[in-house]
Amino acid sequence: MVYRWCILFVLLFIVIRSDHHRPFHKYRSLEDRPSPYGCNRTKGVSLRSSRRNINDLYVSSTLYASDEEITVTWNETLIYCTDDYIGIYFTEIPLFTGACAYYDYEFIQTNQTKMSWEMINLRRPLEFRYYSRENHCSGNYSLIARSPTVEPMNYNAPEQIHLAYGDRIDQMFISFVTNSTNVVPQCQYGFDPSSLQWNVQGTTITYQASDMCEGPANITGPQAFIDPGYMHTILLQDLRPSTIYYYRVGSDEHGWSSIRSFTNRPTDINTQVNLIAFGDMG
């Protein structure tokens, strides 16, 4: 288990630092500018924005589920410079000094008036902000517009559901993440998706920035360590070999995941098994 967590920490660090694939599915190529002008992510530079009238960014919804798309729209007259951008921010980030403290961003193209974001549940309120550079596009960034607060429909929705083999052929571990330890994590499972006849409870752990080895992973912030929530693990036992099981995780209090399925391992060690392995999707 120690080795498993070490690998997890490394993967989280790589995803945070990567400029080729950003968390809200904002893809970058090697030719793209790695960040808005003057925002050096490795140094955490924060630029001051002068106060001016703040316009509105409009959002298609203020509530979302994971992987749901939110469209941001704005008035065409807001466009000032070729390196204008819209970022997504924790609501506590200062408006006029936190231009570079975005969680993710996307540059605005000429004549563009809308942008779509595929959301992930960060278990916290967020907002979109439009920044443009002052002094005929040669100065620091200034806040031009902001959106209403957007937030998850369910802060405690089961997320990041994973399966892992146990030591025995009749075992399967199921893990997932929520925002709370107030209720015991559960898994309901069975042979039929319409009748999940068994219920098993699990255990919960988490970790903090102080548990990480070095920066930026041990520094709390939108571009460093972000609260991972609580990781729940449930062990299913006495499973039949080569059998399809249907399951869902969560609780009545905080909500359930969709019903998923897996096929348990065969007992014959000579049975051919196809396997796909990966180390870092970022």
Protein backbone atom coordinates (compact mmCIF):
# COMPACT_ATOMS: atom_id res chain seq x y z
CA MET A 1 0.00 0.00 0.00
CA VAL A 2 2.90 2.37 0.69
CA TYR A 3 4.20 1.98 -2.83
CA ARG A 4 0.73 2.52 -4.30
CA TRP A 5 0.37 5.91 -2.57
CA CYS A 6 3.86 7.02 -3.63
CA ILE A 7 2.89 6.43 -7.24
CA LEU A 8 -0.35 8.37 -6.78
CA PHE A 9 1.51 11.39 -5.41
CA VAL A 10 3.90 11.40 -8.36
CA LEU A 11 1.07 11.23 -10.87
CA LEU A 12 -0.78 14.11 -9.22
CA PHE A 13 2.36 16.23 -9.36
CA ILE A 14 2.90 15.51 -13.04
CA VAL A 15 -0.66 16.45 -13.96
CA ILE A 16 -0.44 19.72 -12.05
CA ARG A 17 2.80 20.79 -13.73
CA SER A 18 2.01 19.69 -17.28
CA ASP A 19 1.32 22.42 -19.88
CA HIS A 20 0.21 20.01 -22.60
CA HIS A 21 -3.09 18.88 -21.08
CA ARG A 22 -4.94 21.01 -18.60
CA PRO A 23 -7.54 19.84 -16.06
CA PHE A 24 -10.66 21.20 -17.79
CA HIS A 25 -9.75 19.52 -21.10
CA LYS A 26 -8.08 22.68 -22.43
CA TYR A 27 -5.51 21.15 -24.74
CA ARG A 28 -2.27 22.93 -25.63
CA SER A 29 0.26 22.20 -28.36
CA LEU A 30 3.99 22.74 -27.99
CA GLU A 31 3.70 25.80 -30.21
CA ASP A 32 1.14 27.51 -27.95
CA ARG A 33 2.14 30.05 -25.34
CA PRO A 34 2.45 28.06 -22.11
CA SER A 35 0.63 30.69 -20.03
CA PRO A 36 -0.81 34.22 -20.28
CA TYR A 37 1.72 37.02 -20.69
CA GLY A 38 3.80 37.52 -17.54
CA CYS A 39 2.28 34.57 -15.66
CA ASN A 40 5.21 32.30 -14.92
CA ARG A 41 3.63 29.27 -13.26
CA THR A 42 6.89 28.06 -11.70
CA LYS A 43 7.40 31.35 -9.85
CA GLY A 44 3.79 32.13 -9.06
CA VAL A 45 3.96 35.75 -10.26
CA SER A 46 0.82 37.74 -9.42
CA LEU A 47 -0.03 40.81 -11.50
CA ARG A 48 -2.04 43.78 -10.25
CA SER A 49 -5.13 44.87 -12.14
CA SER A 50 -6.47 48.41 -11.84
CA ARG A 51 -10.09 48.82 -10.83
CA ARG A 52 -12.55 49.59 -13.61
CA ASN A 53 -16.15 48.79 -14.40
CA ILE A 54 -16.55 45.02 -14.37
CA ASN A 55 -18.72 43.47 -17.09
CA ASP A 56 -20.66 40.23 -16.96
CA LEU A 57 -19.66 36.83 -18.25
CA TYR A 58 -22.74 34.72 -18.83
CA VAL A 59 -22.80 30.98 -18.10
CA SER A 60 -25.17 28.35 -19.44
CA SER A 61 -25.58 26.96 -15.92
CA THR A 62 -24.42 27.77 -12.40
CA LEU A 63 -24.69 24.12 -11.30
CA TYR A 64 -22.93 21.20 -12.94
CA ALA A 65 -22.12 17.50 -12.67
CA SER A 66 -18.69 16.09 -13.51
CA ASP A 67 -17.95 16.01 -17.26
CA GLU A 68 -20.91 18.33 -17.91
CA GLU A 69 -20.19 21.22 -20.27
CA ILE A 70 -20.67 24.87 -19.31
CA THR A 71 -20.64 27.52 -22.03
CA VAL A 72 -19.34 30.99 -21.17
CA THR A 73 -20.47 33.92 -23.36
CA TRP A 74 -19.62 37.60 -23.43
CA ASN A 75 -20.06 40.81 -25.38
CA GLU A 76 -17.83 41.04 -28.45
CA THR A 77 -16.76 44.57 -27.48
CA LEU A 78 -14.81 43.14 -24.52
CA ILE A 79 -11.99 41.91 -26.77
CA TYR A 80 -8.90 44.12 -26.48
CA CYS A 81 -5.67 42.17 -27.04
CA THR A 82 -4.47 39.03 -28.76
CA ASP A 83 -3.48 37.51 -25.41
CA ASP A 84 -6.78 38.12 -23.62
CA TYR A 85 -7.87 35.02 -21.73
CA ILE A 86 -10.60 33.58 -19.60
CA GLY A 87 -9.54 31.69 -16.51
CA ILE A 88 -11.41 29.61 -13.99
CA TYR A 89 -10.70 30.66 -10.39
CA PHE A 90 -11.42 29.67 -6.84
CA THR A 91 -13.83 32.35 -5.62
CA GLU A 92 -11.47 33.35 -2.79
CA ILE A 93 -8.70 34.40 -5.23
CA PRO A 94 -8.45 38.24 -5.21
CA LEU A 95 -10.02 39.86 -8.27
CA PHE A 96 -7.48 42.61 -8.83
CA THR A 97 -4.22 40.97 -7.77
CA GLY A 98 -4.87 37.34 -8.62
CA ALA A 99 -4.86 37.34 -12.42
CA CYS A 100 -2.20 34.63 -12.53
CA ALA A 101 -3.73 32.46 -9.80
CA TYR A 102 -6.06 30.63 -12.20
CA TYR A 103 -6.78 26.92 -11.99
CA ASP A 104 -7.05 26.68 -15.77
CA TYR A 105 -7.33 29.15 -18.66
CA GLU A 106 -8.01 29.52 -22.36
CA PHE A 107 -6.84 32.28 -24.71
CA ILE A 108 -9.56 34.21 -26.55
CA GLN A 109 -9.47 34.22 -30.33
CA THR A 110 -10.38 37.15 -32.60
CA ASN A 111 -14.16 37.69 -32.80
CA GLN A 112 -14.79 34.91 -30.30
CA THR A 113 -17.77 35.48 -27.99
CA LYS A 114 -18.25 32.09 -26.33
CA MET A 115 -16.18 29.28 -24.89
CA SER A 116 -17.05 25.81 -23.56
CA TRP A 117 -15.55 24.14 -20.51
CA GLU A 118 -15.91 20.48 -19.56
CA MET A 119 -16.27 20.65 -15.80
CA ILE A 120 -14.76 18.51 -13.07
CA ASN A 121 -15.97 18.39 -9.49
CA LEU A 122 -13.35 20.23 -7.41
CA ARG A 123 -15.77 20.24 -4.44
CA ARG A 124 -15.67 24.04 -4.18
CA PRO A 125 -17.29 27.18 -5.72
CA LEU A 126 -15.63 28.56 -8.86
CA GLU A 127 -16.00 31.50 -11.21
CA PHE A 128 -14.83 32.48 -14.70
CA ARG A 129 -12.89 35.73 -15.18
CA TYR A 130 -11.90 37.65 -18.31
CA TYR A 131 -8.55 39.46 -18.17
CA SER A 132 -7.07 41.84 -20.74
CA ARG A 133 -3.80 43.79 -20.74
CA GLU A 134 -3.71 47.53 -20.15
CA ASN A 135 -1.79 50.32 -21.94
CA HIS A 136 -2.66 49.24 -25.48
CA CYS A 137 -1.84 45.62 -24.72
CA SER A 138 1.62 46.37 -23.31
CA GLY A 139 0.82 46.51 -19.58
CA ASN A 140 -0.36 44.20 -16.83
CA TYR A 141 -3.62 42.33 -16.87
CA SER A 142 -6.81 44.08 -15.80
CA LEU A 143 -10.07 42.38 -14.86
CA ILE A 144 -12.68 43.02 -17.56
CA ALA A 145 -15.55 40.67 -16.70
CA ARG A 146 -16.54 37.90 -14.31
CA SER A 147 -19.24 35.25 -14.14
CA PRO A 148 -21.65 34.27 -11.40
CA THR A 149 -20.41 31.55 -9.07
CA VAL A 150 -20.64 28.04 -10.50
CA GLU A 151 -20.57 25.00 -8.25
CA PRO A 152 -21.14 21.23 -8.28
CA MET A 153 -24.69 20.00 -7.98
CA ASN A 154 -23.44 17.57 -5.35
CA TYR A 155 -20.23 18.36 -3.46
CA ASN A 156 -20.26 14.78 -2.18
CA ALA A 157 -20.89 12.99 -5.47
CA PRO A 158 -18.81 9.79 -5.76
CA GLU A 159 -15.92 10.57 -8.11
CA GLN A 160 -12.78 8.86 -9.44
CA ILE A 161 -14.20 5.33 -9.10
CA HIS A 162 -11.49 2.68 -9.53
CA LEU A 163 -11.18 -1.10 -9.31
CA ALA A 164 -8.16 -3.08 -8.08
CA TYR A 165 -7.60 -6.81 -7.66
CA GLY A 166 -7.19 -8.17 -4.15
CA ASP A 167 -4.73 -10.86 -3.07
CA ARG A 168 -7.26 -13.60 -3.72
CA ILE A 169 -9.10 -14.47 -6.90
CA ASP A 170 -12.45 -13.94 -5.18
CA GLN A 171 -11.63 -10.34 -4.14
CA MET A 172 -12.05 -6.90 -5.72
CA PHE A 173 -11.26 -3.51 -4.21
CA ILE A 174 -13.43 -0.53 -5.20
CA SER A 175 -12.25 2.98 -4.38
CA PHE A 176 -13.80 6.42 -4.87
CA VAL A 177 -13.61 9.99 -3.60
CA THR A 178 -16.14 12.30 -1.92
CA ASN A 179 -15.96 15.51 0.09
CA SER A 180 -17.04 14.10 3.44
CA THR A 181 -16.42 11.49 6.14
CA ASN A 182 -19.78 12.08 7.80
CA VAL A 183 -21.25 8.84 6.46
CA VAL A 184 -19.79 5.36 6.00
CA PRO A 185 -18.92 4.62 2.33
CA GLN A 186 -20.92 1.78 0.82
CA CYS A 187 -21.03 -0.42 -2.24
CA GLN A 188 -24.19 -2.14 -3.41
CA TYR A 189 -23.61 -4.99 -5.87
CA GLY A 190 -25.18 -8.06 -7.44
CA PHE A 191 -25.64 -10.12 -10.60
CA ASP A 192 -28.42 -7.93 -12.01
CA PRO A 193 -28.27 -4.12 -12.39
CA SER A 194 -31.92 -3.93 -11.33
CA SER A 195 -31.31 -5.89 -8.14
CA LEU A 196 -28.13 -5.05 -6.22
CA GLN A 197 -28.78 -7.44 -3.35
CA TRP A 198 -25.55 -7.09 -1.35
CA ASN A 199 -24.17 -4.10 0.56
CA VAL A 200 -20.62 -3.73 1.87
CA GLN A 201 -19.13 -0.85 3.88
CA GLY A 202 -15.61 0.51 3.57
CA THR A 203 -12.90 2.65 5.15
CA THR A 204 -11.73 6.22 4.55
CA ILE A 205 -8.37 8.03 4.44
CA THR A 206 -7.04 11.35 3.13
CA TYR A 207 -3.79 13.30 2.96
CA GLN A 208 -2.76 16.96 3.28
CA ALA A 209 -0.20 19.32 1.79
CA SER A 210 2.02 18.74 4.83
CA ASP A 211 2.28 15.07 3.84
CA MET A 212 3.97 15.94 0.52
CA CYS A 213 7.74 16.08 0.11
CA GLU A 214 8.41 19.44 -1.56
CA GLY A 215 6.90 22.38 -3.44
CA PRO A 216 4.69 23.06 -5.18
CA ALA A 217 2.94 19.91 -3.92
CA ASN A 218 3.21 20.95 -0.25
CA ILE A 219 1.86 24.47 -0.90
CA THR A 220 -1.91 24.94 -0.90
CA GLY A 221 -3.27 26.78 -3.94
CA PRO A 222 -4.97 26.45 -7.35
CA GLN A 223 -1.67 25.65 -9.12
CA ALA A 224 -0.15 23.57 -6.33
CA PHE A 225 -1.79 21.30 -3.74
CA ILE A 226 -5.58 21.06 -3.89
CA ASP A 227 -7.59 19.29 -1.22
CA PRO A 228 -8.08 15.76 -2.66
CA GLY A 229 -11.22 15.05 -0.66
CA TYR A 230 -11.66 11.74 1.15
CA MET A 231 -10.66 8.43 -0.45
CA HIS A 232 -12.92 5.50 0.34
CA THR A 233 -11.97 1.85 -0.17
CA ILE A 234 -14.35 -1.13 -0.10
CA LEU A 235 -13.39 -4.80 -0.38
CA LEU A 236 -15.75 -7.23 -2.11
CA GLN A 237 -15.12 -10.88 -1.24
CA ASP A 238 -16.40 -14.35 -2.12
CA LEU A 239 -16.86 -13.34 -5.76
CA ARG A 240 -17.50 -16.02 -8.35
CA PRO A 241 -14.83 -16.45 -11.04
CA SER A 242 -15.46 -15.21 -14.59
CA THR A 243 -18.72 -13.62 -13.46
CA ILE A 244 -20.16 -10.20 -14.29
CA TYR A 245 -21.06 -8.10 -11.25
CA TYR A 246 -22.97 -4.82 -11.26
CA TYR A 247 -22.30 -2.23 -8.59
CA ARG A 248 -22.67 1.35 -7.43
CA VAL A 249 -20.93 3.31 -4.66
CA GLY A 250 -21.96 6.16 -2.37
CA SER A 251 -24.67 6.50 0.24
CA ASP A 252 -28.32 7.44 0.67
CA GLU A 253 -27.28 10.66 2.41
CA HIS A 254 -24.82 11.92 -0.23
CA GLY A 255 -26.01 10.17 -3.36
CA TRP A 256 -24.98 7.18 -5.45
CA SER A 257 -22.86 6.74 -8.54
CA SER A 258 -24.28 5.33 -11.75
CA ILE A 259 -24.39 1.52 -11.93
CA ARG A 260 -21.20 0.04 -13.36
CA SER A 261 -19.95 -3.49 -13.96
CA PHE A 262 -16.84 -5.67 -13.90
CA THR A 263 -16.02 -9.29 -14.71
CA ASN A 264 -14.17 -11.14 -11.98
CA ARG A 265 -10.99 -13.10 -12.72
CA PRO A 266 -11.02 -16.70 -13.96
CA THR A 267 -9.71 -19.48 -11.74
CA ASP A 268 -7.64 -21.12 -14.50
CA ILE A 269 -4.20 -19.48 -14.48
CA ASN A 270 -3.75 -20.48 -18.14
CA THR A 271 -6.76 -18.43 -19.28
CA GLN A 272 -5.75 -15.66 -21.68
CA VAL A 273 -6.27 -12.19 -20.22
CA ASN A 274 -5.98 -8.94 -22.19
CA LEU A 275 -4.49 -6.04 -20.22
CA ILE A 276 -4.04 -2.34 -20.88
CA ALA A 277 -1.66 -0.45 -18.56
CA PHE A 278 -0.82 3.26 -18.37
CA GLY A 279 1.25 5.42 -16.07
CA ASP A 280 0.12 9.03 -16.56
CA MET A 281 -2.81 10.25 -18.65
CA GLY A 282 -1.48 13.84 -18.47
